[in-house]
């Protein structure tokens, strides 16, 4: 490695303590190296020379390969102007390396420093050095007195120098502590700024309250979810936050304050028309409430549960459906080949309908989804049940593309209407007729399903079965639409108005 010392021929292996990284870091952070003279330190060296009667006194800070004189009195030129020497001219380095007081009466006869260049170049003969130590035990340098003649240092001399050095050391420790606290404060300010940025940019709502349930803080996410643009600080929690159906969130907050334990709850909020997931974290007399809108997730869960039930329902009726299709094909076919062709077509249509609802049963919705339009979907799902005759089924309406999520719900309710028509309605008797038509009115799909020619009706069924509930859930809950069903004597008519934004999802 190249020698980076500014003093030619001077190595960096003066001692383990001198090269200690933590010591050198503290020395740098003390802010004393290569700085101008300061009266508070100059006063100390002047006092030392006066009380001890020495020509030279120094506050020497020992760097990796040099010593810097923060304060000096009586040092000869050119070292007085340079305010530093290489460690080849340093007695103070031995104070740093040992961490102890160094007393030398005649350097020319002392084995530790007899070959030190400070003797011929600076005329250092007698030396008394006290270590300058930080609060955590690192020795930064030495406060020393120097004589140009041999000298016996008395205990009074040592005590005097120690006393002055203590004052100098206290000032250095104070500066290091101030720098440390400044660094901690800057880090704390930066951490607070980062935390504030996270809190204000997260989509989750965050509200902090005290035991009186007064809001101390609310982030942007909270205001957005709650639909409030006003300042929430100082307001009561239940003025701005829903208690939820059955007071679920009120119970949650009370329990958390009573037990001191973190708790969470997911509940429907009728006032907002949404599902919220809330988590409360108590901390003494305060509590932080984290919450988010999980309406989409709840709808998906309900949809999955519904689809699982539907899947069981379809499997249970699978053989009955196939048996009915065989019977239908047999009655209308003139021969085995025609029967096989008709039956195969209906089975393929059912399989394609199943493919439409499969994405909602898997996690790979986008990859499983194929673009489909409402007219194609109706044809796929109704065709397996239509009766012979060109006028038994009419499908008409403008081209309307279905979204990846809406396809499942539209397929479910049309499939259910088709099977009901086959079992109980227009397709259950010869001569029955089904008209499926729709129009786009503004931002709404106006959908109509009309059955005629089936069994004569005397009014609405006495009880709604699973199929009717499924249709209502798909249209009103999942697709956010309005649904009406009429039961005239000639058949059944269903009218649905569904927002286009729900169709596009």
Protein backbone atom coordinates (compact mmCIF):
# COMPACT_ATOMS: atom_id res chain seq x y z
CA UNK A 1 0.00 0.00 0.00
CA UNK A 2 1.32 3.47 -0.85
CA UNK A 3 2.48 5.57 2.13
CA UNK A 4 0.08 8.51 2.30
CA UNK A 5 1.89 10.24 5.17
CA UNK A 6 2.70 13.93 4.52
CA UNK A 7 5.99 13.34 6.29
CA UNK A 8 8.45 11.35 4.14
CA UNK A 9 9.81 8.21 5.75
CA UNK A 10 7.23 8.19 8.53
CA UNK A 11 5.32 4.93 8.94
CA UNK A 12 1.84 4.31 10.31
CA UNK A 13 2.73 1.53 12.74
CA UNK A 14 3.40 3.66 15.82
CA UNK A 15 1.12 1.62 18.09
CA UNK A 16 -2.18 -0.19 18.24
CA UNK A 17 -3.93 2.61 20.13
CA UNK A 18 -2.67 5.31 17.78
CA UNK A 19 -4.13 3.56 14.73
CA UNK A 20 -7.38 2.52 16.42
CA UNK A 21 -10.24 3.41 14.06
CA UNK A 22 -12.65 4.41 16.82
CA UNK A 23 -10.07 6.72 18.40
CA UNK A 24 -9.29 8.36 15.07
CA UNK A 25 -13.00 8.78 14.34
CA UNK A 26 -13.53 10.51 17.70
CA UNK A 27 -10.53 12.71 17.04
CA UNK A 28 -12.05 13.81 13.72
CA UNK A 29 -15.55 14.32 15.18
CA UNK A 30 -14.12 16.46 17.99
CA UNK A 31 -13.56 19.11 15.31
CA UNK A 32 -10.13 20.18 16.60
CA UNK A 33 -7.67 18.98 13.96
CA UNK A 34 -6.36 21.63 11.56
CA UNK A 35 -8.37 24.41 13.20
CA UNK A 36 -7.37 27.88 14.30
CA UNK A 37 -6.07 28.60 17.75
CA UNK A 38 -8.73 29.16 20.42
CA UNK A 39 -8.39 31.21 23.57
CA UNK A 40 -9.90 28.57 25.83
CA UNK A 41 -7.04 26.18 25.00
CA UNK A 42 -4.32 28.83 24.62
CA UNK A 43 -5.13 30.02 28.13
CA UNK A 44 -4.37 26.54 29.44
CA UNK A 45 -0.89 26.28 27.91
CA UNK A 46 0.00 29.81 29.04
CA UNK A 47 -1.06 28.91 32.57
CA UNK A 48 1.03 25.72 32.49
CA UNK A 49 4.22 27.50 31.42
CA UNK A 50 3.70 30.15 34.06
CA UNK A 51 2.94 27.82 36.99
CA UNK A 52 5.57 25.20 36.09
CA UNK A 53 8.19 27.65 34.84
CA UNK A 54 8.78 25.73 31.59
CA UNK A 55 9.61 27.36 28.26
CA UNK A 56 7.18 25.15 26.32
CA UNK A 57 3.66 23.78 26.92
CA UNK A 58 1.48 22.02 24.35
CA UNK A 59 -1.96 20.55 23.75
CA UNK A 60 -0.96 17.85 21.27
CA UNK A 61 -3.55 15.78 19.39
CA UNK A 62 -2.02 12.61 17.98
CA UNK A 63 -3.30 11.65 14.53
CA UNK A 64 -2.38 8.49 12.59
CA UNK A 65 1.02 9.76 11.44
CA UNK A 66 1.40 13.24 12.94
CA UNK A 67 0.73 15.31 15.99
CA UNK A 68 -1.25 18.55 15.68
CA UNK A 69 -0.80 21.31 18.24
CA UNK A 70 -4.22 22.72 19.05
CA UNK A 71 -2.53 25.05 21.56
CA UNK A 72 1.16 25.87 22.06
CA UNK A 73 3.40 28.14 24.03
CA UNK A 74 7.15 28.56 23.39
CA UNK A 75 7.51 26.12 20.47
CA UNK A 76 10.44 27.09 18.15
CA UNK A 77 10.04 27.77 14.44
CA UNK A 78 9.29 26.39 11.94
CA UNK A 79 7.17 24.05 14.11
CA UNK A 80 5.36 26.92 15.80
CA UNK A 81 4.04 28.16 12.46
CA UNK A 82 3.36 24.67 11.08
CA UNK A 83 1.56 23.68 14.32
CA UNK A 84 2.40 20.02 13.72
CA UNK A 85 5.24 17.52 13.51
CA UNK A 86 5.57 13.97 12.25
CA UNK A 87 5.36 11.25 14.91
CA UNK A 88 9.15 10.86 14.60
CA UNK A 89 9.27 14.12 16.66
CA UNK A 90 6.57 13.14 19.17
CA UNK A 91 6.83 12.19 22.82
CA UNK A 92 3.05 12.54 23.11
CA UNK A 93 2.51 9.45 20.97
CA UNK A 94 3.83 7.38 23.88
CA UNK A 95 1.21 8.91 26.18
CA UNK A 96 -1.50 7.90 23.71
CA UNK A 97 -0.09 4.42 23.26
CA UNK A 98 0.17 3.74 27.00
CA UNK A 99 -2.76 5.82 28.22
CA UNK A 100 -0.65 6.81 31.22
CA UNK A 101 1.22 9.83 32.57
CA UNK A 102 4.69 10.09 31.01
CA UNK A 103 7.52 11.58 33.14
CA UNK A 104 10.94 12.07 31.53
CA UNK A 105 13.71 13.95 33.38
CA UNK A 106 16.41 13.63 30.68
CA UNK A 107 15.26 12.34 27.29
CA UNK A 108 18.84 11.70 26.14
CA UNK A 109 19.14 8.95 28.73
CA UNK A 110 15.58 7.58 28.59
CA UNK A 111 15.37 4.31 26.60
CA UNK A 112 11.82 5.06 25.31
CA UNK A 113 12.72 8.33 23.57
CA UNK A 114 16.51 8.51 23.38
CA UNK A 115 16.44 8.28 19.57
CA UNK A 116 13.42 10.61 19.11
CA UNK A 117 14.14 13.44 16.64
CA UNK A 118 12.43 15.97 18.92
CA UNK A 119 15.61 15.96 21.04
CA UNK A 120 17.97 17.45 18.41
CA UNK A 121 15.37 19.34 16.35
CA UNK A 122 13.15 20.83 19.10
CA UNK A 123 15.60 20.62 22.03
CA UNK A 124 13.15 18.55 24.09
CA UNK A 125 15.07 17.31 27.14
CA UNK A 126 12.59 17.09 30.05
CA UNK A 127 8.99 16.10 29.38
CA UNK A 128 5.85 15.78 31.50
CA UNK A 129 2.71 14.61 29.64
CA UNK A 130 -0.84 13.98 30.88
CA UNK A 131 -3.23 11.95 28.65
CA UNK A 132 -6.35 13.68 27.26
CA UNK A 133 -9.04 11.00 27.53
CA UNK A 134 -12.58 10.93 26.15
CA UNK A 135 -15.60 9.78 28.14
CA UNK A 136 -15.38 6.31 26.62
CA UNK A 137 -11.66 5.90 27.35
CA UNK A 138 -9.96 6.83 24.07
CA UNK A 139 -6.76 8.87 24.43
CA UNK A 140 -6.75 11.69 21.88
CA UNK A 141 -3.43 13.25 22.79
CA UNK A 142 -1.42 14.80 25.57
CA UNK A 143 -1.32 18.03 27.55
CA UNK A 144 2.40 18.44 28.24
CA UNK A 145 5.10 20.67 29.67
CA UNK A 146 8.61 20.66 28.14
CA UNK A 147 11.96 21.90 29.41
CA UNK A 148 15.13 22.34 27.40
CA UNK A 149 17.27 21.16 30.34
CA UNK A 150 17.15 18.08 32.55
CA UNK A 151 14.53 18.48 35.27
CA UNK A 152 13.17 16.61 38.23
CA UNK A 153 9.37 16.80 38.10
CA UNK A 154 7.86 17.09 41.57
CA UNK A 155 4.53 15.72 42.70
CA UNK A 156 3.32 19.33 42.86
CA UNK A 157 4.35 19.82 39.20
CA UNK A 158 2.41 16.69 38.24
CA UNK A 159 -0.69 17.75 40.19
CA UNK A 160 -0.61 21.25 38.67
CA UNK A 161 -0.39 19.88 35.14
CA UNK A 162 -3.14 17.32 35.81
CA UNK A 163 -5.46 20.07 37.12
CA UNK A 164 -5.00 22.23 34.04
CA UNK A 165 -5.32 19.18 31.75
CA UNK A 166 -8.61 18.24 33.41
CA UNK A 167 -10.14 21.56 32.40
CA UNK A 168 -8.88 21.16 28.83
CA UNK A 169 -10.12 17.58 28.73
CA UNK A 170 -13.59 18.64 29.96
CA UNK A 171 -13.89 21.15 27.14
CA UNK A 172 -12.95 18.52 24.55
CA UNK A 173 -15.39 15.99 26.02
CA UNK A 174 -18.14 18.61 25.93
CA UNK A 175 -17.47 19.29 22.25
CA UNK A 176 -17.55 15.59 21.43
CA UNK A 177 -20.82 15.19 23.33
CA UNK A 178 -22.33 18.21 21.56
CA UNK A 179 -21.31 16.74 18.21
CA UNK A 180 -22.72 13.36 19.21
CA UNK A 181 -26.02 14.87 20.28
CA UNK A 182 -26.17 16.95 17.13
CA UNK A 183 -25.65 13.82 15.05
CA UNK A 184 -28.34 12.00 17.04
CA UNK A 185 -30.69 14.94 16.62
CA UNK A 186 -30.06 15.04 12.88
CA UNK A 187 -30.69 11.30 12.65
CA UNK A 188 -33.86 11.65 14.75
CA UNK A 189 -35.06 14.52 12.56
CA UNK A 190 -34.33 12.49 9.44
CA UNK A 191 -36.11 9.43 10.88
CA UNK A 192 -39.10 11.57 11.81
CA UNK A 193 -39.19 13.08 8.33
CA UNK A 194 -39.03 9.62 6.77
CA UNK A 195 -41.74 8.33 9.09
CA UNK A 196 -43.93 11.34 8.36
CA UNK A 197 -43.46 10.75 4.63
CA UNK A 198 -44.43 7.10 5.01
CA UNK A 199 -47.44 7.94 7.18
CA UNK A 200 -48.68 10.60 4.77
CA UNK A 201 -48.13 8.60 1.57
CA UNK A 202 -49.50 5.24 2.66
CA UNK A 203 -53.00 4.41 1.45
CA UNK A 204 -53.84 2.92 4.84
CA UNK A 205 -55.59 5.09 7.38
CA UNK A 206 -53.74 5.92 10.61
CA UNK A 207 -55.40 7.67 13.56
CA UNK A 208 -53.89 8.25 17.01
CA UNK A 209 -56.21 8.78 19.99
CA UNK A 210 -55.94 9.22 23.75
CA UNK A 211 -58.02 7.55 26.46
CA UNK A 212 -60.69 10.22 26.07
CA UNK A 213 -60.95 9.00 22.45
CA UNK A 214 -59.78 12.39 21.18
CA UNK A 215 -57.96 12.32 17.83
CA UNK A 216 -54.36 13.55 18.14
CA UNK A 217 -53.29 12.70 14.60
CA UNK A 218 -54.86 11.50 11.35
CA UNK A 219 -52.98 10.95 8.10
CA UNK A 220 -54.13 11.60 4.54
CA UNK A 221 -55.10 7.98 4.08
CA UNK A 222 -57.53 8.20 7.01
CA UNK A 223 -59.20 11.29 5.60
CA UNK A 224 -59.45 9.70 2.14
CA UNK A 225 -60.98 6.44 3.38
CA UNK A 226 -63.41 8.23 5.69
CA UNK A 227 -64.27 10.79 3.03
CA UNK A 228 -63.36 13.71 5.28
CA UNK A 229 -61.44 16.73 4.10
CA UNK A 230 -61.51 18.64 7.38
CA UNK A 231 -58.87 18.59 10.10
CA UNK A 232 -59.59 15.66 12.41
CA UNK A 233 -57.27 16.59 15.29
CA UNK A 234 -59.15 17.41 18.48
CA UNK A 235 -62.36 15.69 17.39
CA UNK A 236 -63.91 12.67 19.05
CA UNK A 237 -63.07 9.33 17.42
CA UNK A 238 -66.71 8.37 16.90
CA UNK A 239 -67.42 11.69 15.23
CA UNK A 240 -65.10 10.76 12.40
CA UNK A 241 -64.75 6.97 12.51
CA UNK A 242 -67.62 4.47 12.08
CA UNK A 243 -68.49 2.19 14.97
CA UNK A 244 -69.29 -0.47 12.30
CA UNK A 245 -72.28 -2.78 12.24
CA UNK A 246 -72.98 -4.15 15.71
CA UNK A 247 -70.57 -1.56 17.21
CA UNK A 248 -67.71 -3.92 16.31
CA UNK A 249 -65.02 -1.22 16.29
CA UNK A 250 -66.24 0.41 19.50
CA UNK A 251 -65.95 -2.97 21.23
CA UNK A 252 -62.49 -3.41 19.68
CA UNK A 253 -61.18 -0.09 21.03
CA UNK A 254 -62.61 -0.67 24.52
CA UNK A 255 -61.08 -4.14 24.70
CA UNK A 256 -57.66 -2.93 23.58
CA UNK A 257 -57.59 -0.12 26.17
CA UNK A 258 -58.77 -2.52 28.89
CA UNK A 259 -56.22 -5.27 28.13
CA UNK A 260 -53.36 -3.25 26.67
CA UNK A 261 -53.09 -5.85 23.91
CA UNK A 262 -53.06 -5.31 20.17
CA UNK A 263 -56.33 -6.37 18.56
CA UNK A 264 -57.91 -6.35 15.13
CA UNK A 265 -61.32 -6.69 13.55
CA UNK A 266 -62.89 -6.67 10.10
CA UNK A 267 -66.44 -5.34 9.96
CA UNK A 268 -68.98 -3.87 7.59
CA UNK A 269 -69.77 -0.18 7.98
CA UNK A 270 -73.26 0.55 6.72
CA UNK A 271 -72.69 4.31 7.03
CA UNK A 272 -69.84 4.09 4.54
CA UNK A 273 -71.22 1.19 2.55
CA UNK A 274 -67.84 -0.51 2.83
CA UNK A 275 -65.85 -3.12 4.75
CA UNK A 276 -62.98 -1.88 6.92
CA UNK A 277 -60.17 -3.86 8.49
CA UNK A 278 -58.97 -2.19 11.70
CA UNK A 279 -56.00 -2.91 13.98
CA UNK A 280 -55.50 -1.10 17.30
CA UNK A 281 -52.13 -0.85 19.03
CA UNK A 282 -52.29 0.52 22.62
CA UNK A 283 -49.29 2.31 24.14
CA UNK A 284 -49.99 3.57 27.65
CA UNK A 285 -52.64 6.25 27.54
CA UNK A 286 -52.54 6.40 23.74
CA UNK A 287 -53.67 4.14 20.98
CA UNK A 288 -52.92 4.02 17.27
CA UNK A 289 -55.66 2.80 14.95
CA UNK A 290 -54.58 1.40 11.58
CA UNK A 291 -57.31 0.68 9.07
CA UNK A 292 -57.92 0.02 5.39
CA UNK A 293 -60.79 -0.44 2.97
CA UNK A 294 -61.12 -4.18 2.26
CA UNK A 295 -64.44 -4.07 0.44
CA UNK A 296 -62.92 -5.51 -2.75
CA UNK A 297 -61.32 -8.33 -0.78
CA UNK A 298 -64.56 -9.11 1.02
CA UNK A 299 -66.46 -9.16 -2.26
CA UNK A 300 -63.87 -11.53 -3.64
CA UNK A 301 -64.14 -13.79 -0.60
CA UNK A 302 -67.91 -13.80 -0.85
CA UNK A 303 -67.62 -14.53 -4.54
CA UNK A 304 -65.25 -17.42 -3.91
CA UNK A 305 -67.50 -18.86 -1.23
CA UNK A 306 -70.45 -18.51 -3.55
CA UNK A 307 -68.56 -20.18 -6.36
CA UNK A 308 -67.56 -23.08 -4.12
CA UNK A 309 -71.21 -23.58 -3.18
CA UNK A 310 -72.16 -23.28 -6.83
CA UNK A 311 -69.48 -25.80 -7.76
CA UNK A 312 -70.89 -28.32 -5.28
CA UNK A 313 -74.37 -27.56 -6.55
CA UNK A 314 -73.32 -28.12 -10.17
CA UNK A 315 -71.49 -31.35 -9.41
CA UNK A 316 -74.54 -32.65 -7.56
CA UNK A 317 -76.76 -31.94 -10.55
CA UNK A 318 -74.23 -32.91 -13.20
CA UNK A 319 -75.64 -36.34 -13.92
CA UNK A 320 -79.19 -35.06 -13.90
CA UNK A 321 -78.28 -32.37 -16.44
CA UNK A 322 -76.50 -34.83 -18.70
CA UNK A 323 -79.39 -37.28 -18.40
CA UNK A 324 -81.85 -34.55 -19.37
CA UNK A 325 -79.70 -33.50 -22.30
CA UNK A 326 -79.62 -37.09 -23.53
CA UNK A 327 -83.39 -37.32 -23.29
CA UNK A 328 -83.80 -34.00 -25.14
CA UNK A 329 -81.42 -35.10 -27.87
CA UNK A 330 -83.14 -38.46 -28.19
CA UNK A 331 -86.62 -36.93 -28.58
CA UNK A 332 -85.56 -34.47 -31.25
CA UNK A 333 -83.10 -36.63 -33.18
CA UNK A 334 -83.96 -38.71 -36.25
CA UNK A 335 -81.01 -41.03 -35.79
CA UNK A 336 -77.97 -41.85 -33.63
CA UNK A 337 -75.65 -39.56 -35.58
CA UNK A 338 -77.93 -36.55 -35.20
CA UNK A 339 -78.43 -37.33 -31.51
CA UNK A 340 -74.67 -37.61 -30.96
CA UNK A 341 -74.03 -34.31 -32.74
CA UNK A 342 -76.68 -32.45 -30.73
CA UNK A 343 -75.53 -33.94 -27.44
CA UNK A 344 -71.88 -33.20 -28.18
CA UNK A 345 -72.67 -29.57 -28.97
CA UNK A 346 -74.50 -29.08 -25.70
CA UNK A 347 -71.73 -30.72 -23.68
CA UNK A 348 -69.14 -28.48 -25.36
CA UNK A 349 -71.27 -25.41 -24.55
CA UNK A 350 -71.43 -26.44 -20.89
CA UNK A 351 -67.67 -26.96 -20.82
CA UNK A 352 -67.11 -23.49 -22.26
CA UNK A 353 -69.44 -22.01 -19.66
CA UNK A 354 -67.40 -23.73 -16.97
CA UNK A 355 -64.23 -22.18 -18.40
CA UNK A 356 -65.82 -18.75 -17.94
CA UNK A 357 -66.29 -19.18 -14.20
CA UNK A 358 -62.96 -20.99 -13.64
CA UNK A 359 -60.81 -17.79 -13.34
CA UNK A 360 -62.55 -16.74 -10.12
CA UNK A 361 -61.68 -20.12 -8.61
CA UNK A 362 -57.95 -19.64 -9.25
CA UNK A 363 -55.35 -17.04 -8.40
CA UNK A 364 -54.32 -16.63 -12.04
CA UNK A 365 -57.28 -14.55 -13.14
CA UNK A 366 -55.61 -12.52 -15.86
CA UNK A 367 -53.74 -15.43 -17.41
CA UNK A 368 -56.89 -17.59 -17.57
CA UNK A 369 -59.14 -14.87 -18.92
CA UNK A 370 -60.11 -14.70 -22.60
CA UNK A 371 -61.91 -11.67 -23.98
CA UNK A 372 -65.64 -12.27 -24.30
CA UNK A 373 -68.70 -10.21 -25.19
CA UNK A 374 -72.12 -10.32 -23.63
CA UNK A 375 -73.85 -11.67 -26.76
CA UNK A 376 -71.36 -14.53 -27.07
CA UNK A 377 -71.71 -15.34 -23.38
CA UNK A 378 -75.52 -15.51 -23.54
CA UNK A 379 -75.38 -17.76 -26.59
CA UNK A 380 -72.84 -20.11 -25.00
CA UNK A 381 -74.82 -20.49 -21.80
CA UNK A 382 -78.39 -20.66 -23.18
CA UNK A 383 -77.78 -22.86 -26.25
CA UNK A 384 -77.54 -26.17 -24.33
CA UNK A 385 -81.12 -25.74 -23.10
CA UNK A 386 -82.98 -24.28 -26.09
CA UNK A 387 -85.85 -26.21 -27.68
CA UNK A 388 -86.06 -27.14 -31.33
CA UNK A 389 -87.41 -24.36 -33.50
CA UNK A 390 -85.97 -21.14 -34.82
CA UNK A 391 -88.22 -18.93 -32.72
CA UNK A 392 -87.62 -20.61 -29.35
CA UNK A 393 -84.65 -18.30 -28.54
CA UNK A 394 -84.02 -14.67 -29.45
CA UNK A 395 -80.82 -12.88 -28.45
CA UNK A 396 -80.34 -9.24 -29.38
CA UNK A 397 -78.39 -6.25 -28.12
CA UNK A 398 -75.31 -4.12 -28.90
CA UNK A 399 -71.79 -5.47 -28.61
CA UNK A 400 -70.60 -5.12 -25.02
CA UNK A 401 -67.24 -6.34 -23.77
CA UNK A 402 -67.17 -7.93 -20.31
CA UNK A 403 -64.35 -7.40 -17.83
CA UNK A 404 -62.26 -10.17 -16.29
CA UNK A 405 -64.14 -10.11 -12.97
CA UNK A 406 -67.64 -9.26 -14.24
CA UNK A 407 -67.61 -12.20 -16.68
CA UNK A 408 -67.82 -14.67 -13.82
CA UNK A 409 -70.79 -12.96 -12.17
CA UNK A 410 -72.67 -12.41 -15.44
CA UNK A 411 -72.02 -16.04 -16.43
CA UNK A 412 -73.33 -17.30 -13.10
CA UNK A 413 -76.64 -15.49 -13.16
CA UNK A 414 -77.31 -16.22 -16.85
CA UNK A 415 -76.40 -19.86 -16.36
CA UNK A 416 -78.73 -20.04 -13.38
CA UNK A 417 -81.56 -18.41 -15.33
CA UNK A 418 -80.94 -20.88 -18.18
CA UNK A 419 -81.10 -23.95 -15.96
CA UNK A 420 -84.20 -22.61 -14.20
CA UNK A 421 -85.82 -22.00 -17.58
CA UNK A 422 -84.98 -25.58 -18.51
CA UNK A 423 -86.35 -27.04 -15.26
CA UNK A 424 -89.35 -24.84 -14.52
CA UNK A 425 -89.79 -22.19 -17.24
CA UNK A 426 -89.99 -21.66 -20.97
CA UNK A 427 -87.66 -24.50 -21.92
CA UNK A 428 -89.45 -27.04 -19.74
CA UNK A 429 -92.30 -27.37 -22.27
CA UNK A 430 -92.55 -27.53 -26.04
CA UNK A 431 -93.57 -24.20 -27.52
CA UNK A 432 -91.75 -22.22 -24.84
CA UNK A 433 -89.90 -19.11 -25.90
CA UNK A 434 -87.06 -17.04 -24.39
CA UNK A 435 -86.09 -13.50 -25.40
CA UNK A 436 -82.80 -12.10 -24.03
CA UNK A 437 -82.19 -8.47 -24.95
CA UNK A 438 -80.26 -5.51 -23.67
CA UNK A 439 -79.48 -1.89 -24.38
CA UNK A 440 -76.97 0.68 -23.16
CA UNK A 441 -78.70 3.68 -21.62
CA UNK A 442 -76.20 6.33 -20.56
CA UNK A 443 -73.74 4.57 -18.24
CA UNK A 444 -76.08 1.66 -17.44
CA UNK A 445 -76.69 -1.75 -19.02
CA UNK A 446 -80.47 -2.28 -19.30
CA UNK A 447 -80.88 -6.09 -19.41
CA UNK A 448 -84.13 -8.07 -19.93
CA UNK A 449 -84.86 -11.80 -19.73
CA UNK A 450 -88.40 -12.72 -20.80
CA UNK A 451 -89.85 -16.25 -20.81
CA UNK A 452 -93.23 -17.16 -22.34
CA UNK A 453 -94.98 -20.39 -23.21
CA UNK A 454 -93.93 -22.27 -20.10
CA UNK A 455 -96.11 -23.54 -17.25
CA UNK A 456 -98.88 -21.11 -16.33
CA UNK A 457 -97.90 -18.97 -13.34
CA UNK A 458 -100.14 -17.95 -10.46
CA UNK A 459 -97.66 -15.53 -8.96
CA UNK A 460 -94.16 -15.50 -7.50
CA UNK A 461 -92.84 -18.74 -5.94
CA UNK A 462 -93.67 -19.15 -2.26
CA UNK A 463 -89.98 -19.42 -1.35
CA UNK A 464 -86.77 -18.44 -3.11
CA UNK A 465 -84.37 -21.26 -3.78
CA UNK A 466 -80.60 -21.15 -3.95
CA UNK A 467 -80.72 -20.26 -7.65
CA UNK A 468 -82.83 -17.16 -7.10
CA UNK A 469 -80.58 -16.05 -4.25
CA UNK A 470 -77.55 -16.60 -6.48
CA UNK A 471 -79.03 -14.39 -9.21
CA UNK A 472 -79.76 -11.63 -6.69
CA UNK A 473 -76.29 -11.80 -5.17
CA UNK A 474 -74.58 -11.66 -8.57
CA UNK A 475 -76.62 -8.73 -9.90
CA UNK A 476 -77.17 -6.61 -6.78
CA UNK A 477 -74.04 -7.27 -4.70
CA UNK A 478 -71.25 -8.24 -7.06
CA UNK A 479 -72.33 -6.11 -10.03
CA UNK A 480 -73.85 -3.29 -7.95
CA UNK A 481 -77.06 -3.38 -10.01
CA UNK A 482 -80.83 -3.19 -9.46
CA UNK A 483 -82.98 -6.28 -10.05
CA UNK A 484 -86.74 -6.77 -10.49
CA UNK A 485 -88.55 -10.04 -11.31
CA UNK A 486 -92.18 -10.25 -12.40
CA UNK A 487 -94.30 -13.41 -12.62
CA UNK A 488 -97.16 -12.83 -15.09
CA UNK A 489 -99.37 -15.88 -15.94
CA UNK A 490 -97.65 -16.35 -19.29
CA UNK A 491 -94.15 -16.77 -17.80
CA UNK A 492 -91.42 -14.77 -16.10
CA UNK A 493 -89.67 -11.42 -16.76
CA UNK A 494 -86.38 -10.30 -15.20
CA UNK A 495 -85.12 -6.72 -15.57
CA UNK A 496 -81.64 -5.69 -14.41
CA UNK A 497 -79.90 -2.35 -14.52
CA UNK A 498 -76.14 -2.72 -14.05
CA UNK A 499 -73.56 0.12 -14.04
CA UNK A 500 -71.17 -0.11 -16.96
CA UNK A 501 -68.19 0.44 -14.65
CA UNK A 502 -69.12 -2.83 -12.89
CA UNK A 503 -69.43 -4.59 -16.24
CA UNK A 504 -65.97 -3.34 -17.23
CA UNK A 505 -64.20 -4.65 -14.09
